[in-house]
N, C-alpha and C. Protein backbone atom coordinates (compact mmCIF):
# COMPACT_ATOMS: atom_id res chain seq x y z
N MET A 1 126.90 100.65 112.31
CA MET A 1 127.28 101.58 111.24
C MET A 1 128.34 100.92 110.37
N ASN A 2 128.21 101.06 109.08
CA ASN A 2 129.16 100.49 108.13
C ASN A 2 129.68 101.63 107.27
N SER A 3 130.67 102.35 107.77
CA SER A 3 131.14 103.59 107.18
C SER A 3 131.74 103.45 105.80
N PHE A 4 132.21 102.27 105.43
CA PHE A 4 132.96 102.13 104.20
C PHE A 4 132.29 101.20 103.20
N SER A 5 131.07 100.77 103.45
CA SER A 5 130.36 99.80 102.61
C SER A 5 131.15 98.51 102.45
N LEU A 6 131.98 98.21 103.42
CA LEU A 6 132.74 96.96 103.46
C LEU A 6 132.34 96.22 104.72
N PRO A 7 131.93 94.96 104.60
CA PRO A 7 131.49 94.23 105.79
C PRO A 7 132.56 94.21 106.88
N GLY A 8 132.17 94.63 108.08
CA GLY A 8 133.07 94.54 109.22
C GLY A 8 134.04 95.69 109.38
N ILE A 9 134.12 96.60 108.41
CA ILE A 9 135.04 97.73 108.53
C ILE A 9 134.22 98.99 108.75
N SER A 10 134.54 99.69 109.82
CA SER A 10 133.84 100.93 110.13
C SER A 10 134.83 101.90 110.79
N HIS A 11 134.32 103.05 111.15
CA HIS A 11 135.13 104.05 111.83
C HIS A 11 135.65 103.54 113.18
N LYS A 12 135.07 102.46 113.69
CA LYS A 12 135.47 101.93 114.99
C LYS A 12 136.74 101.10 114.93
N ASN A 13 137.09 100.56 113.74
CA ASN A 13 138.24 99.66 113.73
C ASN A 13 139.29 99.98 112.66
N ILE A 14 139.22 101.13 112.05
CA ILE A 14 140.26 101.51 111.10
C ILE A 14 140.80 102.89 111.48
N ARG A 15 142.11 103.02 111.37
CA ARG A 15 142.78 104.27 111.72
C ARG A 15 143.78 104.60 110.61
N GLY A 16 144.19 105.86 110.57
CA GLY A 16 145.23 106.27 109.64
C GLY A 16 144.97 107.65 109.09
N GLU A 17 145.90 108.07 108.26
CA GLU A 17 145.82 109.37 107.61
C GLU A 17 145.57 109.12 106.13
N LEU A 18 144.36 109.44 105.66
CA LEU A 18 143.95 109.16 104.29
C LEU A 18 143.97 110.43 103.46
N THR A 19 144.65 110.35 102.32
CA THR A 19 144.67 111.44 101.34
C THR A 19 144.04 110.92 100.06
N ILE A 20 143.08 111.67 99.53
CA ILE A 20 142.39 111.27 98.30
C ILE A 20 142.38 112.44 97.34
N ASN A 21 142.75 112.15 96.08
CA ASN A 21 142.64 113.11 94.99
C ASN A 21 141.95 112.41 93.85
N GLY A 22 141.06 113.10 93.16
CA GLY A 22 140.42 112.44 92.04
C GLY A 22 139.39 113.30 91.35
N LEU A 23 138.75 112.66 90.41
CA LEU A 23 137.70 113.29 89.63
C LEU A 23 136.49 112.38 89.69
N LEU A 24 135.35 112.95 90.05
CA LEU A 24 134.13 112.18 90.18
C LEU A 24 133.01 112.88 89.43
N THR A 25 132.27 112.11 88.65
CA THR A 25 131.06 112.63 88.02
C THR A 25 129.92 111.68 88.34
N THR A 26 128.75 112.26 88.54
CA THR A 26 127.57 111.46 88.85
C THR A 26 126.32 112.28 88.59
N LYS A 27 125.20 111.60 88.58
CA LYS A 27 123.89 112.25 88.49
C LYS A 27 123.22 112.12 89.84
N LEU A 28 122.52 113.16 90.24
CA LEU A 28 121.77 113.10 91.48
C LEU A 28 120.39 112.52 91.20
N ASN A 29 119.88 111.74 92.14
CA ASN A 29 118.53 111.21 91.97
C ASN A 29 117.51 112.29 92.39
N GLN A 30 116.23 111.96 92.33
CA GLN A 30 115.18 112.94 92.62
C GLN A 30 115.22 113.45 94.06
N GLN A 31 115.79 112.65 94.96
CA GLN A 31 115.90 113.07 96.35
C GLN A 31 117.21 113.82 96.63
N GLY A 32 118.02 114.03 95.60
CA GLY A 32 119.29 114.73 95.76
C GLY A 32 120.42 113.83 96.22
N GLY A 33 120.18 112.53 96.24
CA GLY A 33 121.20 111.58 96.65
C GLY A 33 121.98 111.03 95.46
N ILE A 34 123.00 110.29 95.79
CA ILE A 34 123.87 109.69 94.76
C ILE A 34 123.58 108.20 94.67
N GLU A 35 123.38 107.72 93.48
CA GLU A 35 123.22 106.29 93.23
C GLU A 35 124.59 105.74 92.85
N PRO A 36 125.09 104.72 93.55
CA PRO A 36 126.41 104.17 93.23
C PRO A 36 126.55 103.75 91.76
N SER A 37 125.49 103.31 91.14
CA SER A 37 125.58 102.87 89.74
C SER A 37 125.80 104.03 88.77
N ASN A 38 125.61 105.27 89.22
CA ASN A 38 125.81 106.44 88.35
C ASN A 38 127.18 107.09 88.52
N ILE A 39 127.98 106.59 89.45
CA ILE A 39 129.28 107.21 89.73
C ILE A 39 130.31 106.76 88.71
N LYS A 40 131.05 107.73 88.22
CA LYS A 40 132.23 107.46 87.39
C LYS A 40 133.35 108.29 88.00
N ALA A 41 134.45 107.63 88.36
CA ALA A 41 135.51 108.35 89.06
C ALA A 41 136.87 107.72 88.80
N SER A 42 137.87 108.56 88.94
CA SER A 42 139.26 108.14 88.96
C SER A 42 139.83 108.71 90.26
N VAL A 43 140.32 107.83 91.13
CA VAL A 43 140.70 108.24 92.47
C VAL A 43 142.11 107.75 92.79
N ASN A 44 142.96 108.66 93.22
CA ASN A 44 144.28 108.33 93.74
C ASN A 44 144.18 108.44 95.25
N PHE A 45 144.66 107.42 95.96
CA PHE A 45 144.60 107.50 97.41
C PHE A 45 145.93 107.08 98.02
N GLN A 46 146.14 107.54 99.23
CA GLN A 46 147.30 107.14 100.02
C GLN A 46 146.85 107.05 101.47
N LEU A 47 147.15 105.92 102.10
CA LEU A 47 146.84 105.73 103.52
C LEU A 47 148.16 105.58 104.26
N LYS A 48 148.43 106.53 105.15
CA LYS A 48 149.66 106.51 105.96
C LYS A 48 149.28 106.14 107.39
N GLN A 49 150.22 105.50 108.07
CA GLN A 49 150.05 105.13 109.47
C GLN A 49 148.74 104.37 109.68
N GLY A 50 148.45 103.46 108.75
CA GLY A 50 147.21 102.70 108.81
C GLY A 50 147.22 101.66 109.91
N ARG A 51 146.05 101.40 110.42
CA ARG A 51 145.89 100.42 111.48
C ARG A 51 144.50 99.81 111.38
N LEU A 52 144.40 98.50 111.54
CA LEU A 52 143.14 97.77 111.52
C LEU A 52 142.99 97.04 112.84
N LEU A 53 141.90 97.29 113.54
CA LEU A 53 141.69 96.76 114.88
C LEU A 53 140.54 95.76 114.90
N ASN A 54 140.77 94.60 115.49
CA ASN A 54 139.72 93.61 115.74
C ASN A 54 138.83 93.34 114.53
N TYR A 55 139.44 93.09 113.38
CA TYR A 55 138.71 92.79 112.15
C TYR A 55 138.37 91.31 112.17
N GLU A 56 137.09 90.99 112.26
CA GLU A 56 136.65 89.62 112.51
C GLU A 56 137.20 88.57 111.54
N PRO A 57 137.23 88.82 110.22
CA PRO A 57 137.81 87.79 109.34
C PRO A 57 139.26 87.44 109.67
N LEU A 58 140.04 88.43 110.10
CA LEU A 58 141.43 88.14 110.49
C LEU A 58 141.49 87.37 111.80
N LEU A 59 140.60 87.68 112.71
CA LEU A 59 140.58 86.96 113.98
C LEU A 59 140.18 85.50 113.76
N LYS A 60 139.28 85.26 112.80
CA LYS A 60 138.90 83.88 112.47
C LYS A 60 140.07 83.16 111.80
N LEU A 61 140.78 83.87 110.93
CA LEU A 61 141.96 83.30 110.28
C LEU A 61 142.99 82.88 111.32
N GLN A 62 143.12 83.68 112.34
CA GLN A 62 144.12 83.42 113.38
C GLN A 62 143.83 82.14 114.15
N GLU A 63 142.61 81.67 114.12
CA GLU A 63 142.29 80.40 114.77
C GLU A 63 143.00 79.24 114.07
N HIS A 64 143.37 79.43 112.79
CA HIS A 64 143.97 78.36 111.99
C HIS A 64 145.45 78.57 111.69
N ILE A 65 145.81 79.80 111.31
CA ILE A 65 147.21 80.11 111.01
C ILE A 65 147.58 81.44 111.63
N PHE A 66 148.85 81.73 111.68
CA PHE A 66 149.38 82.96 112.27
C PHE A 66 148.91 83.12 113.72
N LYS A 67 148.88 82.01 114.45
CA LYS A 67 148.34 82.00 115.81
C LYS A 67 149.13 82.89 116.77
N LYS A 68 150.43 83.06 116.51
CA LYS A 68 151.25 83.84 117.44
C LYS A 68 151.51 85.25 116.94
N ARG A 69 150.72 85.68 115.97
CA ARG A 69 150.88 87.04 115.45
C ARG A 69 149.75 87.90 115.98
N ASN A 70 150.00 89.16 116.03
CA ASN A 70 149.05 90.10 116.60
C ASN A 70 148.07 90.59 115.52
N LEU A 71 147.12 89.73 115.12
CA LEU A 71 146.18 90.09 114.07
C LEU A 71 145.04 90.96 114.58
N ASP A 72 144.91 91.12 115.87
CA ASP A 72 143.84 91.97 116.38
C ASP A 72 144.20 93.46 116.29
N SER A 73 145.45 93.75 116.01
CA SER A 73 145.90 95.13 115.87
C SER A 73 147.02 95.17 114.83
N LEU A 74 146.63 95.33 113.56
CA LEU A 74 147.59 95.35 112.45
C LEU A 74 148.00 96.77 112.12
N TYR A 75 149.28 96.97 111.92
CA TYR A 75 149.80 98.24 111.42
C TYR A 75 150.15 98.05 109.95
N PHE A 76 149.96 99.10 109.15
CA PHE A 76 150.22 99.03 107.72
C PHE A 76 151.34 99.97 107.32
N ALA A 77 152.16 99.52 106.38
CA ALA A 77 153.05 100.45 105.69
C ALA A 77 152.15 101.31 104.80
N THR A 78 152.65 102.40 104.30
CA THR A 78 151.85 103.27 103.44
C THR A 78 151.28 102.48 102.28
N ILE A 79 149.98 102.64 102.05
CA ILE A 79 149.28 101.99 100.95
C ILE A 79 148.85 103.09 99.99
N GLN A 80 149.11 102.87 98.71
CA GLN A 80 148.65 103.85 97.72
C GLN A 80 148.29 103.14 96.43
N ASN A 81 147.33 103.71 95.72
CA ASN A 81 146.90 103.11 94.47
C ASN A 81 146.02 104.10 93.72
N ASN A 82 145.73 103.78 92.48
CA ASN A 82 144.83 104.55 91.63
C ASN A 82 143.62 103.67 91.33
N LEU A 83 142.47 104.06 91.81
CA LEU A 83 141.26 103.28 91.62
C LEU A 83 140.39 103.92 90.55
N SER A 84 139.62 103.10 89.87
CA SER A 84 138.60 103.64 88.97
C SER A 84 137.25 103.08 89.42
N ILE A 85 136.24 103.92 89.35
CA ILE A 85 134.90 103.55 89.79
C ILE A 85 133.96 103.81 88.63
N GLU A 86 133.18 102.79 88.29
CA GLU A 86 132.20 102.95 87.21
C GLU A 86 131.08 101.93 87.38
N LYS A 87 129.85 102.40 87.28
CA LYS A 87 128.66 101.55 87.33
C LYS A 87 128.63 100.65 88.56
N GLY A 88 128.96 101.21 89.72
CA GLY A 88 128.89 100.44 90.96
C GLY A 88 130.05 99.49 91.17
N ASN A 89 131.11 99.65 90.40
CA ASN A 89 132.26 98.75 90.47
C ASN A 89 133.52 99.56 90.75
N ILE A 90 134.29 99.13 91.76
CA ILE A 90 135.58 99.76 92.05
C ILE A 90 136.66 98.83 91.52
N HIS A 91 137.42 99.30 90.53
CA HIS A 91 138.52 98.50 89.99
C HIS A 91 139.79 98.86 90.78
N ILE A 92 140.42 97.82 91.32
CA ILE A 92 141.63 97.97 92.13
C ILE A 92 142.79 97.33 91.38
N PRO A 93 143.70 98.13 90.79
CA PRO A 93 144.88 97.52 90.19
C PRO A 93 145.69 96.80 91.27
N ARG A 94 146.36 95.73 90.89
CA ARG A 94 147.14 94.93 91.84
C ARG A 94 148.03 95.84 92.68
N MET A 95 147.98 95.62 94.00
CA MET A 95 148.81 96.41 94.91
C MET A 95 149.27 95.55 96.07
N GLU A 96 150.38 95.94 96.64
CA GLU A 96 150.89 95.23 97.81
C GLU A 96 150.37 95.90 99.06
N ILE A 97 150.01 95.07 100.03
CA ILE A 97 149.65 95.56 101.36
C ILE A 97 150.63 94.91 102.33
N ALA A 98 151.47 95.74 102.94
CA ALA A 98 152.47 95.27 103.90
C ALA A 98 151.98 95.63 105.29
N THR A 99 151.86 94.62 106.15
CA THR A 99 151.38 94.85 107.51
C THR A 99 152.40 94.35 108.52
N SER A 100 152.11 94.59 109.77
CA SER A 100 152.99 94.15 110.84
C SER A 100 152.97 92.63 110.99
N ALA A 101 152.00 91.94 110.40
CA ALA A 101 151.90 90.48 110.54
C ALA A 101 152.18 89.72 109.25
N LEU A 102 151.83 90.29 108.10
CA LEU A 102 152.03 89.61 106.83
C LEU A 102 151.93 90.59 105.68
N ASN A 103 152.43 90.17 104.53
CA ASN A 103 152.30 90.95 103.30
C ASN A 103 151.42 90.16 102.34
N LEU A 104 150.66 90.88 101.55
CA LEU A 104 149.86 90.24 100.51
C LEU A 104 149.67 91.21 99.37
N PHE A 105 149.19 90.68 98.25
CA PHE A 105 148.87 91.49 97.09
C PHE A 105 147.39 91.30 96.82
N ILE A 106 146.73 92.36 96.41
CA ILE A 106 145.31 92.27 96.11
C ILE A 106 145.01 93.11 94.88
N GLY A 107 144.05 92.69 94.10
CA GLY A 107 143.62 93.44 92.93
C GLY A 107 142.36 92.82 92.38
N GLY A 108 141.67 93.57 91.55
CA GLY A 108 140.44 93.06 90.94
C GLY A 108 139.33 94.07 91.07
N ASP A 109 138.13 93.58 91.23
CA ASP A 109 136.95 94.44 91.25
C ASP A 109 136.14 94.21 92.52
N TYR A 110 135.82 95.31 93.18
CA TYR A 110 134.93 95.28 94.34
C TYR A 110 133.62 95.91 93.91
N GLY A 111 132.54 95.14 93.96
CA GLY A 111 131.25 95.64 93.51
C GLY A 111 130.44 96.23 94.63
N LEU A 112 130.12 97.51 94.51
CA LEU A 112 129.23 98.14 95.48
C LEU A 112 127.83 97.54 95.38
N ASP A 113 127.56 96.93 94.23
CA ASP A 113 126.26 96.29 94.01
C ASP A 113 126.34 94.78 94.27
N GLY A 114 127.43 94.32 94.88
CA GLY A 114 127.55 92.92 95.22
C GLY A 114 128.26 92.06 94.20
N LYS A 115 128.84 92.64 93.17
CA LYS A 115 129.55 91.86 92.15
C LYS A 115 131.05 91.99 92.36
N THR A 116 131.56 91.27 93.34
CA THR A 116 132.96 91.36 93.72
C THR A 116 133.75 90.19 93.16
N LYS A 117 134.93 90.50 92.62
CA LYS A 117 135.87 89.48 92.18
C LYS A 117 137.28 90.03 92.42
N LEU A 118 137.83 89.66 93.56
CA LEU A 118 139.16 90.11 93.94
C LEU A 118 140.14 88.95 93.89
N HIS A 119 141.36 89.25 93.49
CA HIS A 119 142.44 88.26 93.46
C HIS A 119 143.39 88.59 94.61
N ILE A 120 143.74 87.57 95.39
CA ILE A 120 144.58 87.76 96.56
C ILE A 120 145.77 86.82 96.46
N GLN A 121 146.97 87.37 96.59
CA GLN A 121 148.20 86.59 96.55
C GLN A 121 148.86 86.68 97.92
N VAL A 122 149.11 85.54 98.53
CA VAL A 122 149.77 85.50 99.83
C VAL A 122 151.10 84.77 99.67
N PRO A 123 152.22 85.51 99.63
CA PRO A 123 153.52 84.86 99.50
C PRO A 123 153.79 83.91 100.67
N LEU A 124 154.39 82.76 100.34
CA LEU A 124 154.66 81.75 101.37
C LEU A 124 155.69 82.22 102.39
N ASN A 125 156.50 83.22 102.05
CA ASN A 125 157.47 83.69 103.03
C ASN A 125 156.78 84.33 104.24
N ASN A 126 155.46 84.53 104.17
CA ASN A 126 154.70 85.00 105.34
C ASN A 126 154.67 83.96 106.45
N MET A 127 154.93 82.71 106.11
CA MET A 127 154.86 81.65 107.12
C MET A 127 156.03 81.71 108.09
N ILE A 128 157.09 82.42 107.70
CA ILE A 128 158.24 82.61 108.59
C ILE A 128 157.88 83.72 109.56
N LYS A 129 158.03 83.44 110.85
CA LYS A 129 157.68 84.45 111.84
C LYS A 129 158.56 85.68 111.64
N ARG A 130 157.93 86.83 111.63
CA ARG A 130 158.67 88.06 111.41
C ARG A 130 158.85 88.83 112.70
N ASN A 131 159.88 89.61 112.72
CA ASN A 131 160.14 90.50 113.83
C ASN A 131 159.21 91.70 113.68
N GLN A 132 158.19 91.79 114.52
CA GLN A 132 157.19 92.84 114.37
C GLN A 132 157.70 94.21 114.76
N SER A 133 158.91 94.30 115.31
CA SER A 133 159.47 95.60 115.63
C SER A 133 160.20 96.20 114.43
N LYS A 134 160.46 95.37 113.39
CA LYS A 134 161.12 95.88 112.19
C LYS A 134 160.17 96.76 111.40
N LYS A 135 160.75 97.71 110.67
CA LYS A 135 159.94 98.60 109.84
C LYS A 135 159.32 97.81 108.68
N MET A 136 158.04 98.05 108.43
CA MET A 136 157.35 97.39 107.31
C MET A 136 157.71 98.12 106.04
N ASN A 137 157.88 97.36 104.98
CA ASN A 137 158.20 97.96 103.69
C ASN A 137 157.26 97.42 102.63
N SER A 138 156.72 98.33 101.83
CA SER A 138 156.04 97.92 100.61
C SER A 138 157.09 98.03 99.53
N SER A 139 157.17 97.02 98.70
CA SER A 139 158.13 97.10 97.60
C SER A 139 157.48 97.91 96.49
N SER A 140 156.98 97.26 95.50
CA SER A 140 156.23 97.95 94.45
C SER A 140 155.12 97.03 94.00
N ASN A 141 154.17 97.58 93.32
CA ASN A 141 153.06 96.77 92.84
C ASN A 141 153.50 95.82 91.73
N ASP A 142 154.72 96.00 91.24
CA ASP A 142 155.27 95.10 90.22
C ASP A 142 156.00 93.92 90.84
N ASN A 143 156.16 93.92 92.16
CA ASN A 143 156.85 92.82 92.84
C ASN A 143 156.09 91.53 92.59
N LYS A 144 156.83 90.49 92.27
CA LYS A 144 156.19 89.21 91.97
C LYS A 144 155.76 88.47 93.22
N GLY A 145 156.41 88.69 94.35
CA GLY A 145 156.00 88.10 95.61
C GLY A 145 156.53 86.70 95.86
N GLY A 146 157.23 86.11 94.91
CA GLY A 146 157.79 84.78 95.12
C GLY A 146 156.72 83.69 95.12
N THR A 147 157.10 82.51 95.60
CA THR A 147 156.17 81.39 95.67
C THR A 147 155.01 81.79 96.57
N SER A 148 153.79 81.57 96.09
CA SER A 148 152.62 82.12 96.78
C SER A 148 151.43 81.19 96.71
N LEU A 149 150.49 81.46 97.60
CA LEU A 149 149.15 80.89 97.51
C LEU A 149 148.25 81.95 96.89
N PHE A 150 147.33 81.52 96.05
CA PHE A 150 146.43 82.45 95.39
C PHE A 150 144.99 82.14 95.78
N PHE A 151 144.26 83.20 96.07
CA PHE A 151 142.86 83.08 96.46
C PHE A 151 142.04 84.04 95.62
N LYS A 152 140.75 83.80 95.56
CA LYS A 152 139.85 84.77 94.96
C LYS A 152 138.69 84.99 95.91
N ALA A 153 138.26 86.22 95.99
CA ALA A 153 137.11 86.60 96.80
C ALA A 153 135.98 86.90 95.83
N LEU A 154 134.94 86.11 95.88
CA LEU A 154 133.82 86.25 94.96
C LEU A 154 132.53 86.45 95.73
N SER A 155 131.66 87.29 95.19
CA SER A 155 130.37 87.48 95.84
C SER A 155 129.32 86.60 95.16
N ASP A 156 128.37 86.16 95.96
CA ASP A 156 127.25 85.40 95.39
C ASP A 156 126.14 86.38 95.03
N LYS A 157 124.98 85.87 94.66
CA LYS A 157 123.86 86.73 94.23
C LYS A 157 123.35 87.63 95.35
N THR A 158 123.57 87.24 96.59
CA THR A 158 123.12 88.06 97.73
C THR A 158 124.16 89.10 98.12
N GLY A 159 125.36 89.05 97.53
CA GLY A 159 126.43 89.98 97.85
C GLY A 159 127.41 89.45 98.88
N LYS A 160 127.13 88.28 99.47
CA LYS A 160 128.04 87.69 100.45
C LYS A 160 129.32 87.25 99.75
N VAL A 161 130.45 87.64 100.31
CA VAL A 161 131.75 87.34 99.72
C VAL A 161 132.34 86.10 100.38
N THR A 162 132.80 85.16 99.55
CA THR A 162 133.50 83.99 100.04
C THR A 162 134.88 83.96 99.40
N ILE A 163 135.83 83.38 100.13
CA ILE A 163 137.20 83.29 99.65
C ILE A 163 137.51 81.84 99.34
N LYS A 164 138.06 81.62 98.14
CA LYS A 164 138.38 80.27 97.68
C LYS A 164 139.78 80.26 97.08
N ILE A 165 140.37 79.08 97.02
CA ILE A 165 141.65 78.90 96.33
C ILE A 165 141.46 79.30 94.86
N ASP A 166 142.44 79.99 94.28
CA ASP A 166 142.37 80.41 92.89
C ASP A 166 143.45 79.70 92.09
N PRO A 167 143.10 78.61 91.39
CA PRO A 167 144.11 77.87 90.64
C PRO A 167 144.72 78.66 89.48
N LYS A 168 144.07 79.75 89.06
CA LYS A 168 144.59 80.57 87.95
C LYS A 168 145.16 81.89 88.45
N GLY A 169 145.42 81.99 89.74
CA GLY A 169 145.89 83.23 90.32
C GLY A 169 147.22 83.71 89.77
N SER A 170 148.12 82.80 89.47
CA SER A 170 149.42 83.23 88.95
C SER A 170 149.27 83.87 87.58
N GLN A 171 148.28 83.46 86.81
CA GLN A 171 148.03 84.08 85.50
C GLN A 171 147.58 85.53 85.69
N TYR A 172 146.69 85.77 86.65
CA TYR A 172 146.25 87.14 86.94
C TYR A 172 147.45 88.00 87.33
N LYS A 173 148.33 87.47 88.19
CA LYS A 173 149.52 88.19 88.62
C LYS A 173 150.37 88.59 87.42
N LYS A 174 150.62 87.64 86.52
CA LYS A 174 151.44 87.92 85.33
C LYS A 174 150.81 89.00 84.47
N GLU A 175 149.49 88.93 84.28
CA GLU A 175 148.81 89.94 83.47
C GLU A 175 148.92 91.34 84.10
N GLN A 176 148.78 91.42 85.41
CA GLN A 176 148.84 92.71 86.09
C GLN A 176 150.24 93.30 86.09
N ILE A 177 151.25 92.46 86.26
CA ILE A 177 152.63 92.94 86.25
C ILE A 177 153.01 93.43 84.86
N ALA A 178 152.47 92.80 83.83
CA ALA A 178 152.78 93.19 82.44
C ALA A 178 152.25 94.56 82.09
N HIS A 179 151.20 95.02 82.79
CA HIS A 179 150.62 96.34 82.47
C HIS A 179 151.51 97.40 82.98
């Protein structure tokens, strides 16, 4: 089961208290179902007491870096953002995700139809081992994050998402902070 239309994330490995407010318009197809390409929405969400369990991409990452961090059970500081959905595309304004193991910034477009282009900023201060008993804090989505590595997550024609170094990532960050 893939409850969230996100590879590897389902009701089995995500926890938290999710609040959603928004406006959604769509057309129903002949069977009474919803076609993602017909959805137009503005959604405000907040996830409190979030937790991600045994997420395979993080476990693979742990084979290379963050070896002594508990990536099989991540806790999140409150995450909130305003998303827009149109023509099978979820636009995610740049936001910080603070976890018990690392902080990162993410923004861009997630395509329900396989056209994904996300920008990911990983501040280098994540390389310093953190005290996981300390309270996690999200600063603001305007936080610059300091010296960072930038990645982009892009989907191919089949919808498979790959992550690559993004040499223009700092430009995306500047544009998003300016808004």
